[in-house]
Amino acid sequence: MAGFTVTRDVRAPAADVWNTLVDWPRHGNWVPLTAIRVVSDRPDGVGAEFVARTGWGPLAFDDPMRVTAWAPPEGGTAGRCDIVKLGRVVRGRAWFSVTPLPGGACRVLWFEDVTVVPHAITRHGGPLVSVPGKLAFAATLRAMAREVESR
């Protein structure tokens, strides 16, 4: 498995950031070459399912995911969403938390622990997956923060 964690402070209320992050199709605004569609009856809560289609033309792949834990931030309490990745190319788990901070800001912590097929890529080259993954998610969280902070 290849794991990494990315943290980003956002100058916006935790509830606003949470609602932005769980608007799954919106992730396509921040993740290059990716479109996300919800495939379950409900877009939110435990059991919600969505598919990220990443790539270009014949080099694209589906990354199906299911929400396994759902606890929005309330009052001064952090929120957390856990996701399992169920694809043929990317498997594993991810989660993010949104923690309220003083002054109406919050901190987003995003964790990924994935296996990429063929498995030898992550078994022998975990850093080859972790480092670009961490850089990509850091850029994604920066783009998300810019969007929510501009409202």
C-alpha atoms as a PDB file:
ATOM      1  CA  MET A   1       0.000   0.000   0.000  1.00  0.00           C
ATOM      2  CA  ALA A   2       1.079   3.575  -0.605  1.00  0.00           C
ATOM      3  CA  GLY A   3      -0.084   6.047   1.985  1.00  0.00           C
ATOM      4  CA  PHE A   4       0.119   9.766   2.437  1.00  0.00           C
ATOM      5  CA  THR A   5      -1.522  12.576   4.387  1.00  0.00           C
ATOM      6  CA  VAL A   6      -2.116  16.167   3.277  1.00  0.00           C
ATOM      7  CA  THR A   7      -3.239  19.009   5.549  1.00  0.00           C
ATOM      8  CA  ARG A   8      -4.640  22.398   4.531  1.00  0.00           C
ATOM      9  CA  ASP A   9      -5.960  25.266   6.634  1.00  0.00           C
ATOM     10  CA  VAL A  10      -8.920  27.001   4.980  1.00  0.00           C
ATOM     11  CA  ARG A  11     -10.258  30.463   5.797  1.00  0.00           C
ATOM     12  CA  ALA A  12     -13.884  29.352   5.762  1.00  0.00           C
ATOM     13  CA  PRO A  13     -16.278  27.734   8.233  1.00  0.00           C
ATOM     14  CA  ALA A  14     -15.964  23.978   8.712  1.00  0.00           C
ATOM     15  CA  ALA A  15     -19.566  23.363   7.581  1.00  0.00           C
ATOM     16  CA  ASP A  16     -18.960  25.197   4.284  1.00  0.00           C
ATOM     17  CA  VAL A  17     -15.768  23.258   3.611  1.00  0.00           C
ATOM     18  CA  TRP A  18     -17.443  19.954   4.514  1.00  0.00           C
ATOM     19  CA  ASN A  19     -20.374  20.667   2.182  1.00  0.00           C
ATOM     20  CA  THR A  20     -17.938  21.524  -0.599  1.00  0.00           C
ATOM     21  CA  LEU A  21     -15.857  18.370  -0.102  1.00  0.00           C
ATOM     22  CA  VAL A  22     -18.869  16.035  -0.051  1.00  0.00           C
ATOM     23  CA  ASP A  23     -20.261  17.519  -3.261  1.00  0.00           C
ATOM     24  CA  TRP A  24     -18.539  14.677  -5.129  1.00  0.00           C
ATOM     25  CA  PRO A  25     -19.041  15.970  -8.709  1.00  0.00           C
ATOM     26  CA  ARG A  26     -17.424  19.262  -7.666  1.00  0.00           C
ATOM     27  CA  HIS A  27     -14.082  17.455  -7.201  1.00  0.00           C
ATOM     28  CA  GLY A  28     -13.786  17.515 -10.981  1.00  0.00           C
ATOM     29  CA  ASN A  29     -13.252  21.289 -10.680  1.00  0.00           C
ATOM     30  CA  TRP A  30     -10.036  20.730  -8.741  1.00  0.00           C
ATOM     31  CA  VAL A  31      -8.666  17.377  -9.940  1.00  0.00           C
ATOM     32  CA  PRO A  32      -7.194  17.577 -13.447  1.00  0.00           C
ATOM     33  CA  LEU A  33      -8.591  15.193 -16.064  1.00  0.00           C
ATOM     34  CA  THR A  34     -11.240  13.889 -13.660  1.00  0.00           C
ATOM     35  CA  ALA A  35     -15.029  13.821 -13.733  1.00  0.00           C
ATOM     36  CA  ILE A  36     -17.066  12.374 -10.878  1.00  0.00           C
ATOM     37  CA  ARG A  37     -20.589  11.033 -10.985  1.00  0.00           C
ATOM     38  CA  VAL A  38     -22.737   9.766  -8.142  1.00  0.00           C
ATOM     39  CA  VAL A  39     -24.078   6.274  -8.856  1.00  0.00           C
ATOM     40  CA  SER A  40     -26.130   5.628  -5.693  1.00  0.00           C
ATOM     41  CA  ASP A  41     -29.635   6.831  -4.925  1.00  0.00           C
ATOM     42  CA  ARG A  42     -28.279   9.164  -2.231  1.00  0.00           C
ATOM     43  CA  PRO A  43     -25.254  11.390  -2.793  1.00  0.00           C
ATOM     44  CA  ASP A  44     -24.421  11.644   0.911  1.00  0.00           C
ATOM     45  CA  GLY A  45     -24.089   9.524   4.016  1.00  0.00           C
ATOM     46  CA  VAL A  46     -22.881   6.000   4.609  1.00  0.00           C
ATOM     47  CA  GLY A  47     -23.422   3.893   1.503  1.00  0.00           C
ATOM     48  CA  ALA A  48     -23.203   6.747  -0.999  1.00  0.00           C
ATOM     49  CA  GLU A  49     -21.305   5.610  -4.073  1.00  0.00           C
ATOM     50  CA  PHE A  50     -19.561   7.582  -6.773  1.00  0.00           C
ATOM     51  CA  VAL A  51     -17.095   6.977  -9.591  1.00  0.00           C
ATOM     52  CA  ALA A  52     -14.160   9.184 -10.520  1.00  0.00           C
ATOM     53  CA  ARG A  53     -13.239   8.848 -14.204  1.00  0.00           C
ATOM     54  CA  THR A  54      -9.626   9.958 -14.498  1.00  0.00           C
ATOM     55  CA  GLY A  55      -7.479  10.224 -17.581  1.00  0.00           C
ATOM     56  CA  TRP A  56      -7.834  11.079 -21.202  1.00  0.00           C
ATOM     57  CA  GLY A  57      -9.393   9.002 -23.952  1.00  0.00           C
ATOM     58  CA  PRO A  58      -8.212   5.379 -23.937  1.00  0.00           C
ATOM     59  CA  LEU A  59      -5.846   6.138 -21.038  1.00  0.00           C
ATOM     60  CA  ALA A  60      -8.731   6.844 -18.625  1.00  0.00           C
ATOM     61  CA  PHE A  61      -9.847   4.551 -15.811  1.00  0.00           C
ATOM     62  CA  ASP A  62     -12.733   4.394 -13.333  1.00  0.00           C
ATOM     63  CA  ASP A  63     -12.132   4.749  -9.601  1.00  0.00           C
ATOM     64  CA  PRO A  64     -15.372   3.576  -7.899  1.00  0.00           C
ATOM     65  CA  MET A  65     -15.761   4.505  -4.221  1.00  0.00           C
ATOM     66  CA  ARG A  66     -18.219   4.015  -1.365  1.00  0.00           C
ATOM     67  CA  VAL A  67     -18.661   6.098   1.786  1.00  0.00           C
ATOM     68  CA  THR A  68     -18.194   3.904   4.883  1.00  0.00           C
ATOM     69  CA  ALA A  69     -18.334   6.536   7.654  1.00  0.00           C
ATOM     70  CA  TRP A  70     -20.042   9.932   7.733  1.00  0.00           C
ATOM     71  CA  ALA A  71     -19.941  12.445  10.578  1.00  0.00           C
ATOM     72  CA  PRO A  72     -20.242  16.125   9.532  1.00  0.00           C
ATOM     73  CA  PRO A  73     -18.599  18.736  11.760  1.00  0.00           C
ATOM     74  CA  GLU A  74     -20.955  20.066  14.420  1.00  0.00           C
ATOM     75  CA  GLY A  75     -20.324  22.971  16.730  1.00  0.00           C
ATOM     76  CA  GLY A  76     -16.650  22.735  17.601  1.00  0.00           C
ATOM     77  CA  THR A  77     -16.379  19.032  16.782  1.00  0.00           C
ATOM     78  CA  ALA A  78     -14.434  17.762  13.776  1.00  0.00           C
ATOM     79  CA  GLY A  79     -16.214  15.915  10.993  1.00  0.00           C
ATOM     80  CA  ARG A  80     -14.899  12.844   9.213  1.00  0.00           C
ATOM     81  CA  CYS A  81     -15.774  10.936   6.049  1.00  0.00           C
ATOM     82  CA  ASP A  82     -14.252   7.515   5.294  1.00  0.00           C
ATOM     83  CA  ILE A  83     -14.211   6.068   1.801  1.00  0.00           C
ATOM     84  CA  VAL A  84     -13.282   2.665   0.417  1.00  0.00           C
ATOM     85  CA  LYS A  85     -11.859   2.469  -3.124  1.00  0.00           C
ATOM     86  CA  LEU A  86     -13.274  -0.500  -5.023  1.00  0.00           C
ATOM     87  CA  GLY A  87     -11.723  -0.242  -8.471  1.00  0.00           C
ATOM     88  CA  ARG A  88      -9.734  -2.565 -10.669  1.00  0.00           C
ATOM     89  CA  VAL A  89      -6.911   0.006 -10.942  1.00  0.00           C
ATOM     90  CA  VAL A  90      -7.000   1.703  -7.519  1.00  0.00           C
ATOM     91  CA  ARG A  91      -8.004  -0.084  -4.320  1.00  0.00           C
ATOM     92  CA  GLY A  92      -7.685   0.907  -0.695  1.00  0.00           C
ATOM     93  CA  ARG A  93      -9.114   3.539   1.551  1.00  0.00           C
ATOM     94  CA  ALA A  94      -9.215   7.263   2.061  1.00  0.00           C
ATOM     95  CA  TRP A  95     -10.664   9.611   4.623  1.00  0.00           C
ATOM     96  CA  PHE A  96     -10.774  13.276   5.347  1.00  0.00           C
ATOM     97  CA  SER A  97     -11.554  15.293   8.434  1.00  0.00           C
ATOM     98  CA  VAL A  98     -12.641  18.906   8.747  1.00  0.00           C
ATOM     99  CA  THR A  99     -11.761  20.488  12.100  1.00  0.00           C
ATOM    100  CA  PRO A 100     -13.106  23.904  13.124  1.00  0.00           C
ATOM    101  CA  LEU A 101     -10.430  26.466  14.068  1.00  0.00           C
ATOM    102  CA  PRO A 102     -10.759  29.827  15.831  1.00  0.00           C
ATOM    103  CA  GLY A 103     -11.872  32.769  13.739  1.00  0.00           C
ATOM    104  CA  GLY A 104     -14.224  30.844  11.468  1.00  0.00           C
ATOM    105  CA  ALA A 105     -11.469  28.839   9.747  1.00  0.00           C
ATOM    106  CA  CYS A 106     -10.917  25.091   9.617  1.00  0.00           C
ATOM    107  CA  ARG A 107      -8.273  22.470   8.931  1.00  0.00           C
ATOM    108  CA  VAL A 108      -8.712  19.722   6.353  1.00  0.00           C
ATOM    109  CA  LEU A 109      -6.699  16.559   6.765  1.00  0.00           C
ATOM    110  CA  TRP A 110      -6.833  14.115   3.830  1.00  0.00           C
ATOM    111  CA  PHE A 111      -5.450  10.570   4.094  1.00  0.00           C
ATOM    112  CA  GLU A 112      -5.029   7.996   1.321  1.00  0.00           C
ATOM    113  CA  ASP A 113      -3.721   4.435   1.544  1.00  0.00           C
ATOM    114  CA  VAL A 114      -4.034   2.778  -1.838  1.00  0.00           C
ATOM    115  CA  THR A 115      -2.782  -0.069  -3.968  1.00  0.00           C
ATOM    116  CA  VAL A 116      -2.373   0.534  -7.676  1.00  0.00           C
ATOM    117  CA  VAL A 117      -2.668  -2.347 -10.149  1.00  0.00           C
ATOM    118  CA  PRO A 118      -0.353  -3.933 -11.060  1.00  0.00           C
ATOM    119  CA  HIS A 119       0.395  -4.428  -7.356  1.00  0.00           C
ATOM    120  CA  ALA A 120       4.153  -4.406  -7.929  1.00  0.00           C
ATOM    121  CA  ILE A 121       3.868  -0.637  -8.456  1.00  0.00           C
ATOM    122  CA  THR A 122       2.885  -0.059  -4.833  1.00  0.00           C
ATOM    123  CA  ARG A 123       4.614  -3.112  -3.348  1.00  0.00           C
ATOM    124  CA  HIS A 124       8.043  -2.157  -4.679  1.00  0.00           C
ATOM    125  CA  GLY A 125       7.570   1.492  -5.467  1.00  0.00           C
ATOM    126  CA  GLY A 126       5.349   2.864  -2.707  1.00  0.00           C
ATOM    127  CA  PRO A 127       7.157   6.237  -2.719  1.00  0.00           C
ATOM    128  CA  LEU A 128       6.684   6.404  -6.497  1.00  0.00           C
ATOM    129  CA  VAL A 129       2.939   6.440  -5.826  1.00  0.00           C
ATOM    130  CA  SER A 130       2.929   8.301  -2.489  1.00  0.00           C
ATOM    131  CA  VAL A 131       4.992  11.339  -3.502  1.00  0.00           C
ATOM    132  CA  PRO A 132       3.023  12.244  -6.655  1.00  0.00           C
ATOM    133  CA  GLY A 133      -0.213  11.390  -4.845  1.00  0.00           C
ATOM    134  CA  LYS A 134       0.650  13.722  -2.000  1.00  0.00           C
ATOM    135  CA  LEU A 135       1.604  16.513  -4.415  1.00  0.00           C
ATOM    136  CA  ALA A 136      -1.598  16.015  -6.419  1.00  0.00           C
ATOM    137  CA  PHE A 137      -3.830  16.059  -3.343  1.00  0.00           C
ATOM    138  CA  ALA A 138      -2.038  19.121  -1.965  1.00  0.00           C
ATOM    139  CA  ALA A 139      -2.829  20.912  -5.244  1.00  0.00           C
ATOM    140  CA  THR A 140      -6.419  19.658  -5.079  1.00  0.00           C
ATOM    141  CA  LEU A 141      -6.884  20.997  -1.552  1.00  0.00           C
ATOM    142  CA  ARG A 142      -5.334  24.346  -2.569  1.00  0.00           C
ATOM    143  CA  ALA A 143      -7.816  24.634  -5.450  1.00  0.00           C
ATOM    144  CA  MET A 144     -10.722  23.655  -3.198  1.00  0.00           C
ATOM    145  CA  ALA A 145      -9.622  26.206  -0.573  1.00  0.00           C
ATOM    146  CA  ARG A 146      -9.412  28.980  -3.190  1.00  0.00           C
ATOM    147  CA  GLU A 147     -12.939  28.174  -4.338  1.00  0.00           C
ATOM    148  CA  VAL A 148     -14.552  28.066  -0.906  1.00  0.00           C
ATOM    149  CA  GLU A 149     -12.603  31.080   0.393  1.00  0.00           C
ATOM    150  CA  SER A 150     -13.736  33.201  -2.555  1.00  0.00           C
ATOM    151  CA  ARG A 151     -17.429  32.812  -1.669  1.00  0.00           C
END
